[in-house]
Amino acid sequence: MTHPFHPLFGRELEIFAPKEYVGERRLCYLDERQRVHEIPLDWTDLAPADPVLAIAAGKTLFRVADLLELAKLIELLKR
């Protein structure tokens, strides 16, 4: 798990099935009680590198597309 704010950050999970929902790729894993959970592929090191972030080489924390989405969300919440 590579998502820095997830409680399982840094843990290695055994993935047993990939899934896709409307373009979002997710991975299934079992917890210690053998319950099925899903996480976005992007929260793992199995996701392909984001070309924008790879080219930025640590010089940016956000992609322009993400900042534009955030601006839309903030505008919506203001209304």
Protein backbone atom coordinates (compact mmCIF):
# COMPACT_ATOMS: atom_id res chain seq x y z
CA MET A 1 0.00 0.00 0.00
CA THR A 2 1.60 3.25 -1.13
CA HIS A 3 -1.16 5.78 -0.35
CA PRO A 4 0.40 7.84 2.45
CA PHE A 5 -2.85 8.41 4.39
CA HIS A 6 -4.20 4.86 4.26
CA PRO A 7 -3.97 2.93 7.55
CA LEU A 8 -2.24 0.07 5.71
CA PHE A 9 0.44 2.35 4.25
CA GLY A 10 3.69 0.45 3.82
CA ARG A 11 2.12 -3.00 4.22
CA GLU A 12 2.36 -5.64 1.54
CA LEU A 13 -1.02 -7.03 0.52
CA GLU A 14 -1.72 -10.25 -1.32
CA ILE A 15 -3.87 -9.27 -4.29
CA PHE A 16 -6.14 -11.97 -5.66
CA ALA A 17 -8.37 -10.25 -8.24
CA PRO A 18 -8.37 -7.06 -10.31
CA LYS A 19 -11.68 -5.31 -11.04
CA GLU A 20 -12.77 -2.32 -13.08
CA TYR A 21 -15.72 -0.02 -12.41
CA VAL A 22 -16.47 2.72 -14.95
CA GLY A 23 -12.83 3.18 -15.79
CA GLU A 24 -11.48 2.92 -12.23
CA ARG A 25 -9.21 -0.05 -11.73
CA ARG A 26 -9.35 -1.66 -8.28
CA LEU A 27 -7.63 -4.58 -6.58
CA CYS A 28 -9.16 -7.10 -4.18
CA TYR A 29 -7.33 -8.42 -1.15
CA LEU A 30 -8.16 -10.36 2.02
CA ASP A 31 -7.60 -8.87 5.46
CA GLU A 32 -6.38 -10.87 8.47
CA ARG A 33 -9.97 -12.09 9.08
CA GLN A 34 -10.23 -13.28 5.48
CA ARG A 35 -12.70 -10.51 4.54
CA VAL A 36 -12.56 -9.13 1.01
CA HIS A 37 -11.61 -5.47 0.54
CA GLU A 38 -10.97 -3.37 -2.55
CA ILE A 39 -8.52 -0.55 -3.08
CA PRO A 40 -7.84 1.66 -6.09
CA LEU A 41 -4.94 0.41 -8.19
CA ASP A 42 -3.43 3.92 -7.96
CA TRP A 43 -2.92 3.45 -4.22
CA THR A 44 -0.43 0.66 -4.87
CA ASP A 45 2.95 0.27 -6.50
CA LEU A 46 1.27 -1.87 -9.18
CA ALA A 47 -0.11 1.22 -10.91
CA PRO A 48 1.84 2.53 -13.88
CA ALA A 49 3.79 5.70 -13.17
CA ASP A 50 1.88 8.90 -13.87
CA PRO A 51 3.80 10.48 -16.78
CA VAL A 52 3.25 14.04 -15.53
CA LEU A 53 4.59 13.26 -12.06
CA ALA A 54 7.45 11.18 -13.48
CA ILE A 55 8.57 14.03 -15.74
CA ALA A 56 8.24 16.52 -12.86
CA ALA A 57 10.69 14.37 -10.88
CA GLY A 58 9.46 15.47 -7.45
CA LYS A 59 9.14 19.15 -8.36
CA THR A 60 5.33 19.12 -8.21
CA LEU A 61 2.83 17.54 -5.87
CA PHE A 62 -0.25 18.06 -8.06
CA ARG A 63 -1.22 17.60 -11.69
CA VAL A 64 -2.99 20.48 -13.45
CA ALA A 65 -6.04 18.27 -14.08
CA ASP A 66 -6.30 17.52 -10.34
CA LEU A 67 -6.06 21.20 -9.41
CA LEU A 68 -8.77 22.09 -11.93
CA GLU A 69 -11.04 19.40 -10.43
CA LEU A 70 -10.33 20.77 -6.96
CA ALA A 71 -11.23 24.30 -8.10
CA LYS A 72 -14.55 23.01 -9.49
CA LEU A 73 -15.29 21.21 -6.22
CA ILE A 74 -14.51 24.30 -4.14
CA GLU A 75 -16.74 26.41 -6.38
CA LEU A 76 -19.54 23.87 -5.97
CA LEU A 77 -19.18 23.86 -2.20
CA LYS A 78 -19.30 27.68 -2.08
CA ARG A 79 -22.79 27.68 -3.66
